[in-house]
Amino acid sequence: MPDARLKITVALLMKARRLVETVIGQLTEHFHNKKVRARDTWHLANRFIRKCLAHTVGVFLNKLLRNQSLHFVSIG
């Protein structure tokens, strides 16, 4: 079945998907979002929001330091 979408549209969608999957992977691996132990919904939401905020602050600091946005581990 031929794809009716424009190539630029597909490229933009793929770029956005790659970014979203990278961020989800980082939240899962580095911030351990798979095993959030909370007794109720309030604490679960609070922990998830703190982890998302920590990720956002990391991206912001990388921008300030002129590093790549999603590279949190520096080598060397």
Protein backbone atom coordinates (compact mmCIF):
# COMPACT_ATOMS: atom_id res chain seq x y z
CA MET A 1 0.00 0.00 0.00
CA PRO A 2 1.60 3.29 -1.02
CA ASP A 3 2.18 5.95 1.63
CA ALA A 4 0.11 9.05 0.84
CA ARG A 5 2.02 11.29 3.26
CA LEU A 6 4.72 13.70 2.15
CA LYS A 7 8.31 12.64 2.83
CA ILE A 8 8.94 15.76 4.93
CA THR A 9 5.94 14.88 7.10
CA VAL A 10 7.20 11.34 7.62
CA ALA A 11 10.67 12.67 8.46
CA LEU A 12 9.25 15.09 11.06
CA LEU A 13 7.12 12.34 12.60
CA MET A 14 10.11 10.01 12.81
CA LYS A 15 12.24 12.71 14.44
CA ALA A 16 9.54 13.41 17.02
CA ARG A 17 9.04 9.70 17.69
CA ARG A 18 12.78 9.17 18.18
CA LEU A 19 12.89 12.04 20.68
CA VAL A 20 9.89 10.74 22.62
CA GLU A 21 11.28 7.20 22.74
CA THR A 22 14.66 8.51 23.92
CA VAL A 23 13.09 10.47 26.76
CA ILE A 24 10.89 7.55 27.80
CA GLY A 25 13.94 5.28 27.74
CA GLN A 26 15.90 7.70 29.92
CA LEU A 27 13.06 8.00 32.41
CA THR A 28 12.80 4.23 32.54
CA GLU A 29 16.51 3.45 32.83
CA HIS A 30 18.08 6.38 34.68
CA PHE A 31 15.17 7.41 36.87
CA HIS A 32 13.80 3.89 37.50
CA ASN A 33 10.21 4.66 36.50
CA LYS A 34 9.43 0.96 36.15
CA LYS A 35 9.56 0.39 39.88
CA VAL A 36 7.98 3.33 41.62
CA ARG A 37 6.76 2.09 44.95
CA ALA A 38 3.92 4.23 46.22
CA ARG A 39 1.06 3.47 48.52
CA ASP A 40 -1.50 5.70 46.87
CA THR A 41 -2.14 7.75 43.77
CA TRP A 42 -0.97 11.01 45.35
CA HIS A 43 2.51 9.67 46.11
CA LEU A 44 2.73 7.91 42.75
CA ALA A 45 1.93 11.14 40.89
CA ASN A 46 4.29 13.13 43.11
CA ARG A 47 7.23 10.80 42.45
CA PHE A 48 6.57 10.70 38.72
CA ILE A 49 6.36 14.50 38.54
CA ARG A 50 9.63 14.86 40.49
CA LYS A 51 11.38 12.48 38.10
CA CYS A 52 10.06 14.37 35.07
CA LEU A 53 11.17 17.64 36.67
CA ALA A 54 14.65 16.22 37.33
CA HIS A 55 14.89 15.17 33.68
CA THR A 56 13.77 18.62 32.53
CA VAL A 57 16.33 20.33 34.78
CA GLY A 58 19.03 18.05 33.36
CA VAL A 59 18.08 19.04 29.81
CA PHE A 60 18.07 22.72 30.81
CA LEU A 61 21.52 22.48 32.42
CA ASN A 62 22.89 20.73 29.35
CA LYS A 63 21.54 23.59 27.21
CA LEU A 64 23.23 26.13 29.50
CA LEU A 65 26.53 24.25 29.33
CA ARG A 66 26.17 23.95 25.54
CA ASN A 67 26.13 20.16 25.69
CA GLN A 68 23.75 17.94 23.77
CA SER A 69 20.34 18.10 25.42
CA LEU A 70 19.76 14.43 26.19
CA HIS A 71 23.32 13.34 27.02
CA PHE A 72 23.42 13.11 30.81
CA VAL A 73 26.50 10.92 31.16
CA SER A 74 29.77 12.60 30.29
CA ILE A 75 32.74 10.49 29.26
CA GLY A 76 36.22 11.45 30.37
